[in-house]
Amino acid sequence: MNILLVDDEPLARERLQRMLRRLRPDATCLQAGNGGQALEQVAAGEVDLVLLDIAMPGMNGLEVAARLDELDRPPALIFCTAYDEHALQALRHQVVAYLLKPVREEDLATALDNAGRVNRVQLAGLGAGMGSQAPRRTRVQAHTRDGLQSLPVEDVRCFLAGAKHVTAHAPGAELVLAETLRELERDLGDGFLRVHRNALVALRHVAALQRAASGGWYLEMDGVAQRPKVSRRLLAEVRSRLRGR
């Protein structure tokens, strides 16, 4: 793994590099002191992961992240910053983690594990063939009382809309999102299907289409107890998509 450390403070970069040597001894660590240098490093060769400060002179970290988002295969991104007021803005980007300085080694270790999963999803999308497109999103995220939390898209079984929020359901985990089902449907691509005005499901995790005693239809999902309803209007499309998996 090639990891790029971006921070205008040399001491901060060196501290992160020492931790990375312990956590990922086989990784190659590159450094950049500002946003322009970071983009040059990414353009010059393979960068798998960027650890990015936000408050930098000139081009700040959020601006760098926006430029990285434009790439066909952006590197995984971890924000490392002394300020938490940027967390909501960070949600607009495909960020693996939002770590507050001084970064704790155990938090960095968790973020690195998540970054590895992100890159595997990206590579799988690229290898699916010329007719397919890599997923534009690999994680869903929300800012909670415990900080920035996220779930890998590959783990999500379904998104269910309640009165005020949408909840992502995965085995052993749930995350309340600020996004709408319409936004998620647009961003997540063909692997997810709208089956009801209140439900968006991951097709590959559908275990069965079942008829309820009341006459309606619902889906059984792998690994979660939720059973999304299927609207009569969408039933034919749901059946067709399930047959074509």
C-alpha atoms as a PDB file:
ATOM      1  CA  MET A   1       0.000   0.000   0.000  1.00  0.00           C
ATOM      2  CA  ASN A   2       1.258   3.474  -0.925  1.00  0.00           C
ATOM      3  CA  ILE A   3       0.235   6.061   1.672  1.00  0.00           C
ATOM      4  CA  LEU A   4       0.520   9.817   1.170  1.00  0.00           C
ATOM      5  CA  LEU A   5       0.781  12.031   4.280  1.00  0.00           C
ATOM      6  CA  VAL A   6      -0.394  15.587   3.631  1.00  0.00           C
ATOM      7  CA  ASP A   7       0.202  18.204   6.338  1.00  0.00           C
ATOM      8  CA  ASP A   8       1.906  21.583   6.364  1.00  0.00           C
ATOM      9  CA  GLU A   9       3.563  20.713   9.694  1.00  0.00           C
ATOM     10  CA  PRO A  10       6.634  18.448   9.246  1.00  0.00           C
ATOM     11  CA  LEU A  11       6.424  17.204  12.839  1.00  0.00           C
ATOM     12  CA  ALA A  12       2.833  16.062  12.313  1.00  0.00           C
ATOM     13  CA  ARG A  13       3.845  14.149   9.182  1.00  0.00           C
ATOM     14  CA  GLU A  14       6.753  12.493  10.996  1.00  0.00           C
ATOM     15  CA  ARG A  15       4.535  11.445  13.910  1.00  0.00           C
ATOM     16  CA  LEU A  16       2.061   9.800  11.544  1.00  0.00           C
ATOM     17  CA  GLN A  17       4.881   8.113   9.661  1.00  0.00           C
ATOM     18  CA  ARG A  18       6.271   6.591  12.863  1.00  0.00           C
ATOM     19  CA  MET A  19       2.862   5.129  13.676  1.00  0.00           C
ATOM     20  CA  LEU A  20       2.489   3.817  10.141  1.00  0.00           C
ATOM     21  CA  ARG A  21       5.859   2.074  10.339  1.00  0.00           C
ATOM     22  CA  ARG A  22       4.541   0.146  13.324  1.00  0.00           C
ATOM     23  CA  LEU A  23       1.061  -0.507  11.928  1.00  0.00           C
ATOM     24  CA  ARG A  24       1.927  -1.079   8.255  1.00  0.00           C
ATOM     25  CA  PRO A  25       5.655  -1.905   8.034  1.00  0.00           C
ATOM     26  CA  ASP A  26       5.307  -2.968   4.381  1.00  0.00           C
ATOM     27  CA  ALA A  27       3.641   0.292   3.285  1.00  0.00           C
ATOM     28  CA  THR A  28       5.455   2.973   1.317  1.00  0.00           C
ATOM     29  CA  CYS A  29       4.988   6.410   2.906  1.00  0.00           C
ATOM     30  CA  LEU A  30       5.105   9.564   0.798  1.00  0.00           C
ATOM     31  CA  GLN A  31       4.840  13.121   2.102  1.00  0.00           C
ATOM     32  CA  ALA A  32       3.434  16.431   0.862  1.00  0.00           C
ATOM     33  CA  GLY A  33       3.515  19.771   2.659  1.00  0.00           C
ATOM     34  CA  ASN A  34       0.549  21.397   0.905  1.00  0.00           C
ATOM     35  CA  GLY A  35      -2.438  20.668  -1.288  1.00  0.00           C
ATOM     36  CA  GLY A  36      -0.686  21.335  -4.566  1.00  0.00           C
ATOM     37  CA  GLN A  37       2.113  18.908  -3.765  1.00  0.00           C
ATOM     38  CA  ALA A  38      -0.463  16.310  -2.724  1.00  0.00           C
ATOM     39  CA  LEU A  39      -2.279  16.467  -6.063  1.00  0.00           C
ATOM     40  CA  GLU A  40       1.046  16.251  -7.910  1.00  0.00           C
ATOM     41  CA  GLN A  41       1.999  13.130  -5.939  1.00  0.00           C
ATOM     42  CA  VAL A  42      -1.338  11.473  -6.676  1.00  0.00           C
ATOM     43  CA  ALA A  43      -1.076  12.344 -10.372  1.00  0.00           C
ATOM     44  CA  ALA A  44       2.512  11.057 -10.573  1.00  0.00           C
ATOM     45  CA  GLY A  45       1.821   7.492  -9.507  1.00  0.00           C
ATOM     46  CA  GLU A  46      -0.190   4.965  -7.544  1.00  0.00           C
ATOM     47  CA  VAL A  47      -1.427   6.340  -4.219  1.00  0.00           C
ATOM     48  CA  ASP A  48      -3.789   4.009  -2.379  1.00  0.00           C
ATOM     49  CA  LEU A  49      -4.495   6.126   0.696  1.00  0.00           C
ATOM     50  CA  VAL A  50      -4.201   9.807   1.621  1.00  0.00           C
ATOM     51  CA  LEU A  51      -3.959  11.008   5.230  1.00  0.00           C
ATOM     52  CA  LEU A  52      -5.002  14.616   4.837  1.00  0.00           C
ATOM     53  CA  ASP A  53      -4.896  17.651   7.109  1.00  0.00           C
ATOM     54  CA  ILE A  54      -7.629  20.237   6.543  1.00  0.00           C
ATOM     55  CA  ALA A  55      -6.264  23.564   7.826  1.00  0.00           C
ATOM     56  CA  MET A  56      -3.383  24.238   5.429  1.00  0.00           C
ATOM     57  CA  PRO A  57      -2.262  27.466   3.730  1.00  0.00           C
ATOM     58  CA  GLY A  58      -3.286  27.857   0.115  1.00  0.00           C
ATOM     59  CA  MET A  59      -5.403  24.900  -0.949  1.00  0.00           C
ATOM     60  CA  ASN A  60      -6.989  23.404   2.180  1.00  0.00           C
ATOM     61  CA  GLY A  61      -7.758  19.740   2.734  1.00  0.00           C
ATOM     62  CA  LEU A  62     -11.418  20.006   1.746  1.00  0.00           C
ATOM     63  CA  GLU A  63     -10.421  21.533  -1.581  1.00  0.00           C
ATOM     64  CA  VAL A  64      -7.897  18.743  -2.115  1.00  0.00           C
ATOM     65  CA  ALA A  65     -10.593  16.168  -1.326  1.00  0.00           C
ATOM     66  CA  ALA A  66     -12.920  17.745  -3.890  1.00  0.00           C
ATOM     67  CA  ARG A  67     -10.206  17.428  -6.544  1.00  0.00           C
ATOM     68  CA  LEU A  68      -9.560  13.811  -5.593  1.00  0.00           C
ATOM     69  CA  ASP A  69     -13.283  13.040  -5.904  1.00  0.00           C
ATOM     70  CA  GLU A  70     -13.052  13.945  -9.600  1.00  0.00           C
ATOM     71  CA  LEU A  71     -10.626  11.097 -10.330  1.00  0.00           C
ATOM     72  CA  ASP A  72     -11.812   7.867 -11.957  1.00  0.00           C
ATOM     73  CA  ARG A  73     -10.237   5.885  -9.137  1.00  0.00           C
ATOM     74  CA  PRO A  74      -9.666   8.205  -6.171  1.00  0.00           C
ATOM     75  CA  PRO A  75      -7.455   6.997  -3.329  1.00  0.00           C
ATOM     76  CA  ALA A  76      -9.042   6.204   0.004  1.00  0.00           C
ATOM     77  CA  LEU A  77      -9.083   9.273   2.247  1.00  0.00           C
ATOM     78  CA  ILE A  78      -8.593   9.803   5.971  1.00  0.00           C
ATOM     79  CA  PHE A  79      -8.830  13.316   7.404  1.00  0.00           C
ATOM     80  CA  CYS A  80      -6.429  14.070  10.274  1.00  0.00           C
ATOM     81  CA  THR A  81      -7.150  17.486  11.781  1.00  0.00           C
ATOM     82  CA  ALA A  82      -7.076  19.422  15.022  1.00  0.00           C
ATOM     83  CA  TYR A  83     -10.574  20.806  14.447  1.00  0.00           C
ATOM     84  CA  ASP A  84     -13.912  18.988  14.509  1.00  0.00           C
ATOM     85  CA  GLU A  85     -16.018  21.750  12.928  1.00  0.00           C
ATOM     86  CA  HIS A  86     -15.166  20.453   9.451  1.00  0.00           C
ATOM     87  CA  ALA A  87     -16.684  17.019  10.034  1.00  0.00           C
ATOM     88  CA  LEU A  88     -20.020  17.775   8.340  1.00  0.00           C
ATOM     89  CA  GLN A  89     -18.249  19.181   5.279  1.00  0.00           C
ATOM     90  CA  ALA A  90     -16.076  16.070   5.191  1.00  0.00           C
ATOM     91  CA  LEU A  91     -19.238  13.975   4.753  1.00  0.00           C
ATOM     92  CA  ARG A  92     -19.499  15.279   1.189  1.00  0.00           C
ATOM     93  CA  HIS A  93     -16.369  13.350   0.268  1.00  0.00           C
ATOM     94  CA  GLN A  94     -15.607   9.635   0.232  1.00  0.00           C
ATOM     95  CA  VAL A  95     -13.796   9.765   3.550  1.00  0.00           C
ATOM     96  CA  VAL A  96     -12.898   6.563   5.402  1.00  0.00           C
ATOM     97  CA  ALA A  97     -12.388   8.268   8.769  1.00  0.00           C
ATOM     98  CA  TYR A  98     -12.176  11.665  10.433  1.00  0.00           C
ATOM     99  CA  LEU A  99      -9.439  11.579  13.078  1.00  0.00           C
ATOM    100  CA  LEU A 100      -8.792  14.383  15.538  1.00  0.00           C
ATOM    101  CA  LYS A 101      -5.219  15.351  16.416  1.00  0.00           C
ATOM    102  CA  PRO A 102      -3.328  14.158  18.281  1.00  0.00           C
ATOM    103  CA  VAL A 103      -4.206  10.999  16.370  1.00  0.00           C
ATOM    104  CA  ARG A 104      -4.346   7.900  18.563  1.00  0.00           C
ATOM    105  CA  GLU A 105      -2.615   4.838  17.194  1.00  0.00           C
ATOM    106  CA  GLU A 106      -5.599   2.558  17.848  1.00  0.00           C
ATOM    107  CA  ASP A 107      -7.905   4.929  15.921  1.00  0.00           C
ATOM    108  CA  LEU A 108      -5.451   5.037  13.030  1.00  0.00           C
ATOM    109  CA  ALA A 109      -5.262   1.231  13.019  1.00  0.00           C
ATOM    110  CA  THR A 110      -9.051   0.976  12.677  1.00  0.00           C
ATOM    111  CA  ALA A 111      -9.074   3.572   9.902  1.00  0.00           C
ATOM    112  CA  LEU A 112      -6.353   1.698   8.000  1.00  0.00           C
ATOM    113  CA  ASP A 113      -8.367  -1.516   8.173  1.00  0.00           C
ATOM    114  CA  ASN A 114     -11.391   0.311   6.761  1.00  0.00           C
ATOM    115  CA  ALA A 115      -9.258   1.889   4.030  1.00  0.00           C
ATOM    116  CA  GLY A 116      -8.161  -1.560   2.890  1.00  0.00           C
ATOM    117  CA  ARG A 117     -11.785  -2.594   2.498  1.00  0.00           C
ATOM    118  CA  VAL A 118     -12.542   0.536   0.467  1.00  0.00           C
ATOM    119  CA  ASN A 119      -9.764  -0.208  -2.005  1.00  0.00           C
ATOM    120  CA  ARG A 120     -10.898  -3.818  -2.446  1.00  0.00           C
ATOM    121  CA  VAL A 121     -14.375  -2.593  -3.409  1.00  0.00           C
ATOM    122  CA  GLN A 122     -12.885  -0.126  -5.910  1.00  0.00           C
ATOM    123  CA  LEU A 123     -10.715  -2.802  -7.523  1.00  0.00           C
ATOM    124  CA  ALA A 124     -13.649  -5.196  -7.786  1.00  0.00           C
ATOM    125  CA  GLY A 125     -15.637  -2.539  -9.621  1.00  0.00           C
ATOM    126  CA  LEU A 126     -12.772  -1.815 -12.026  1.00  0.00           C
ATOM    127  CA  GLY A 127     -12.340  -5.491 -12.810  1.00  0.00           C
ATOM    128  CA  ALA A 128     -15.997  -6.135 -13.557  1.00  0.00           C
ATOM    129  CA  GLY A 129     -15.527  -5.447 -17.289  1.00  0.00           C
ATOM    130  CA  MET A 130     -15.553  -2.620 -19.790  1.00  0.00           C
ATOM    131  CA  GLY A 131     -19.339  -2.418 -19.716  1.00  0.00           C
ATOM    132  CA  SER A 132     -19.533  -1.767 -15.985  1.00  0.00           C
ATOM    133  CA  GLN A 133     -18.603   1.237 -13.912  1.00  0.00           C
ATOM    134  CA  ALA A 134     -16.860   1.302 -10.541  1.00  0.00           C
ATOM    135  CA  PRO A 135     -19.183   2.349  -7.724  1.00  0.00           C
ATOM    136  CA  ARG A 136     -19.085   6.034  -7.006  1.00  0.00           C
ATOM    137  CA  ARG A 137     -19.506   5.412  -3.307  1.00  0.00           C
ATOM    138  CA  THR A 138     -17.922   2.788  -1.137  1.00  0.00           C
ATOM    139  CA  ARG A 139     -19.183   3.916   2.282  1.00  0.00           C
ATOM    140  CA  VAL A 140     -22.193   5.603   3.859  1.00  0.00           C
ATOM    141  CA  GLN A 141     -21.434   8.032   6.655  1.00  0.00           C
ATOM    142  CA  ALA A 142     -23.060  10.038   9.417  1.00  0.00           C
ATOM    143  CA  HIS A 143     -21.864  12.473  12.057  1.00  0.00           C
ATOM    144  CA  THR A 144     -22.913  11.140  15.473  1.00  0.00           C
ATOM    145  CA  ARG A 145     -22.192  12.029  19.091  1.00  0.00           C
ATOM    146  CA  ASP A 146     -19.241   9.647  18.877  1.00  0.00           C
ATOM    147  CA  GLY A 147     -17.804  11.398  15.832  1.00  0.00           C
ATOM    148  CA  LEU A 148     -17.870  10.445  12.179  1.00  0.00           C
ATOM    149  CA  GLN A 149     -19.223   6.899  11.757  1.00  0.00           C
ATOM    150  CA  SER A 150     -19.417   4.913   8.538  1.00  0.00           C
ATOM    151  CA  LEU A 151     -20.436   1.574   7.047  1.00  0.00           C
ATOM    152  CA  PRO A 152     -19.019  -0.086   3.933  1.00  0.00           C
ATOM    153  CA  VAL A 153     -21.643  -0.103   1.184  1.00  0.00           C
ATOM    154  CA  GLU A 154     -20.833  -3.770   0.536  1.00  0.00           C
ATOM    155  CA  ASP A 155     -22.086  -4.605   4.054  1.00  0.00           C
ATOM    156  CA  VAL A 156     -25.401  -2.733   3.816  1.00  0.00           C
ATOM    157  CA  ARG A 157     -28.429  -4.956   3.243  1.00  0.00           C
ATOM    158  CA  CYS A 158     -31.072  -2.254   2.998  1.00  0.00           C
ATOM    159  CA  PHE A 159     -31.911   1.391   3.621  1.00  0.00           C
ATOM    160  CA  LEU A 160     -35.273   2.020   5.277  1.00  0.00           C
ATOM    161  CA  ALA A 161     -36.894   5.444   5.526  1.00  0.00           C
ATOM    162  CA  GLY A 162     -38.732   6.470   8.676  1.00  0.00           C
ATOM    163  CA  ALA A 163     -40.625   9.632   9.507  1.00  0.00           C
ATOM    164  CA  LYS A 164     -37.498  11.803   9.677  1.00  0.00           C
ATOM    165  CA  HIS A 165     -34.422   9.764   8.797  1.00  0.00           C
ATOM    166  CA  VAL A 166     -33.088   6.947   6.646  1.00  0.00           C
ATOM    167  CA  THR A 167     -31.381   4.058   8.447  1.00  0.00           C
ATOM    168  CA  ALA A 168     -28.751   1.816   6.870  1.00  0.00           C
ATOM    169  CA  HIS A 169     -28.998  -1.777   8.103  1.00  0.00           C
ATOM    170  CA  ALA A 170     -26.031  -4.168   8.069  1.00  0.00           C
ATOM    171  CA  PRO A 171     -25.307  -7.331  10.083  1.00  0.00           C
ATOM    172  CA  GLY A 172     -24.700  -6.166  13.639  1.00  0.00           C
ATOM    173  CA  ALA A 173     -24.805  -2.479  12.736  1.00  0.00           C
ATOM    174  CA  GLU A 174     -27.204   0.354  11.956  1.00  0.00           C
ATOM    175  CA  LEU A 175     -26.465   3.939  10.956  1.00  0.00           C
ATOM    176  CA  VAL A 176     -28.930   6.844  10.827  1.00  0.00           C
ATOM    177  CA  LEU A 177     -28.198   8.977   7.768  1.00  0.00           C
ATOM    178  CA  ALA A 178     -28.965  12.544   6.786  1.00  0.00           C
ATOM    179  CA  GLU A 179     -29.510  11.550   3.145  1.00  0.00           C
ATOM    180  CA  THR A 180     -32.737  10.662   1.358  1.00  0.00           C
ATOM    181  CA  LEU A 181     -33.495   7.373  -0.376  1.00  0.00           C
ATOM    182  CA  ARG A 182     -33.583   9.246  -3.673  1.00  0.00           C
ATOM    183  CA  GLU A 183     -30.013  10.487  -3.154  1.00  0.00           C
ATOM    184  CA  LEU A 184     -28.795   7.036  -2.139  1.00  0.00           C
ATOM    185  CA  GLU A 185     -30.526   5.393  -5.107  1.00  0.00           C
ATOM    186  CA  ARG A 186     -28.824   7.851  -7.446  1.00  0.00           C
ATOM    187  CA  ASP A 187     -25.363   7.431  -5.913  1.00  0.00           C
ATOM    188  CA  LEU A 188     -25.211   3.684  -5.302  1.00  0.00           C
ATOM    189  CA  GLY A 189     -26.012   2.440  -8.785  1.00  0.00           C
ATOM    190  CA  ASP A 190     -27.527  -0.767 -10.138  1.00  0.00           C
ATOM    191  CA  GLY A 191     -26.550  -2.953  -7.199  1.00  0.00           C
ATOM    192  CA  PHE A 192     -29.358  -1.357  -5.188  1.00  0.00           C
ATOM    193  CA  LEU A 193     -33.042  -1.402  -6.096  1.00  0.00           C
ATOM    194  CA  ARG A 194     -35.922   0.738  -4.871  1.00  0.00           C
ATOM    195  CA  VAL A 195     -38.631  -1.754  -3.876  1.00  0.00           C
ATOM    196  CA  HIS A 196     -40.954   0.596  -1.992  1.00  0.00           C
ATOM    197  CA  ARG A 197     -41.175   4.322  -1.351  1.00  0.00           C
ATOM    198  CA  ASN A 198     -39.633   3.565   2.051  1.00  0.00           C
ATOM    199  CA  ALA A 199     -37.067   0.919   1.060  1.00  0.00           C
ATOM    200  CA  LEU A 200     -33.892   0.559  -1.006  1.00  0.00           C
ATOM    201  CA  VAL A 201     -32.250  -2.893  -0.965  1.00  0.00           C
ATOM    202  CA  ALA A 202     -28.940  -4.484  -1.976  1.00  0.00           C
ATOM    203  CA  LEU A 203     -29.937  -7.015  -4.633  1.00  0.00           C
ATOM    204  CA  ARG A 204     -27.098  -9.425  -3.911  1.00  0.00           C
ATOM    205  CA  HIS A 205     -28.193  -9.698  -0.280  1.00  0.00           C
ATOM    206  CA  VAL A 206     -31.846 -10.566  -1.013  1.00  0.00           C
ATOM    207  CA  ALA A 207     -32.507 -14.076   0.294  1.00  0.00           C
ATOM    208  CA  ALA A 208     -36.119 -14.458  -0.854  1.00  0.00           C
ATOM    209  CA  LEU A 209     -39.258 -12.698  -2.079  1.00  0.00           C
ATOM    210  CA  GLN A 210     -42.155 -13.755   0.150  1.00  0.00           C
ATOM    211  CA  ARG A 211     -45.947 -13.351   0.148  1.00  0.00           C
ATOM    212  CA  ALA A 212     -47.403 -12.063   3.408  1.00  0.00           C
ATOM    213  CA  ALA A 213     -50.601 -13.458   4.915  1.00  0.00           C
ATOM    214  CA  SER A 214     -52.198 -10.079   4.257  1.00  0.00           C
ATOM    215  CA  GLY A 215     -51.541 -10.483   0.543  1.00  0.00           C
ATOM    216  CA  GLY A 216     -48.638  -8.064   0.313  1.00  0.00           C
ATOM    217  CA  TRP A 217     -45.039  -8.892  -0.535  1.00  0.00           C
ATOM    218  CA  TYR A 218     -41.783  -8.480   1.352  1.00  0.00           C
ATOM    219  CA  LEU A 219     -38.100  -9.399   1.042  1.00  0.00           C
ATOM    220  CA  GLU A 220     -36.018 -11.504   3.370  1.00  0.00           C
ATOM    221  CA  MET A 221     -32.456 -10.180   3.602  1.00  0.00           C
ATOM    222  CA  ASP A 222     -29.263 -12.034   4.468  1.00  0.00           C
ATOM    223  CA  GLY A 223     -27.885 -11.242   7.906  1.00  0.00           C
ATOM    224  CA  VAL A 224     -30.515  -8.784   9.176  1.00  0.00           C
ATOM    225  CA  ALA A 225     -33.997  -9.085  10.660  1.00  0.00           C
ATOM    226  CA  GLN A 226     -35.512  -6.262   8.601  1.00  0.00           C
ATOM    227  CA  ARG A 227     -38.020  -7.351   5.936  1.00  0.00           C
ATOM    228  CA  PRO A 228     -38.526  -4.510   3.452  1.00  0.00           C
ATOM    229  CA  LYS A 229     -41.987  -4.279   1.930  1.00  0.00           C
ATOM    230  CA  VAL A 230     -42.358  -4.497  -1.847  1.00  0.00           C
ATOM    231  CA  SER A 231     -44.954  -2.213  -3.401  1.00  0.00           C
ATOM    232  CA  ARG A 232     -47.405  -3.731  -5.889  1.00  0.00           C
ATOM    233  CA  ARG A 233     -46.348  -1.144  -8.460  1.00  0.00           C
ATOM    234  CA  LEU A 234     -42.717  -2.317  -8.299  1.00  0.00           C
ATOM    235  CA  LEU A 235     -43.342  -6.043  -7.844  1.00  0.00           C
ATOM    236  CA  ALA A 236     -42.817  -6.998 -11.503  1.00  0.00           C
ATOM    237  CA  GLU A 237     -39.521  -5.105 -11.683  1.00  0.00           C
ATOM    238  CA  VAL A 238     -38.342  -6.652  -8.412  1.00  0.00           C
ATOM    239  CA  ARG A 239     -39.081 -10.150  -9.720  1.00  0.00           C
ATOM    240  CA  SER A 240     -37.289  -9.411 -12.980  1.00  0.00           C
ATOM    241  CA  ARG A 241     -34.194  -8.009 -11.272  1.00  0.00           C
ATOM    242  CA  LEU A 242     -34.007 -10.925  -8.846  1.00  0.00           C
ATOM    243  CA  ARG A 243     -34.195 -13.433 -11.715  1.00  0.00           C
ATOM    244  CA  GLY A 244     -31.430 -11.573 -13.535  1.00  0.00           C
ATOM    245  CA  ARG A 245     -28.924 -11.545 -10.680  1.00  0.00           C
END
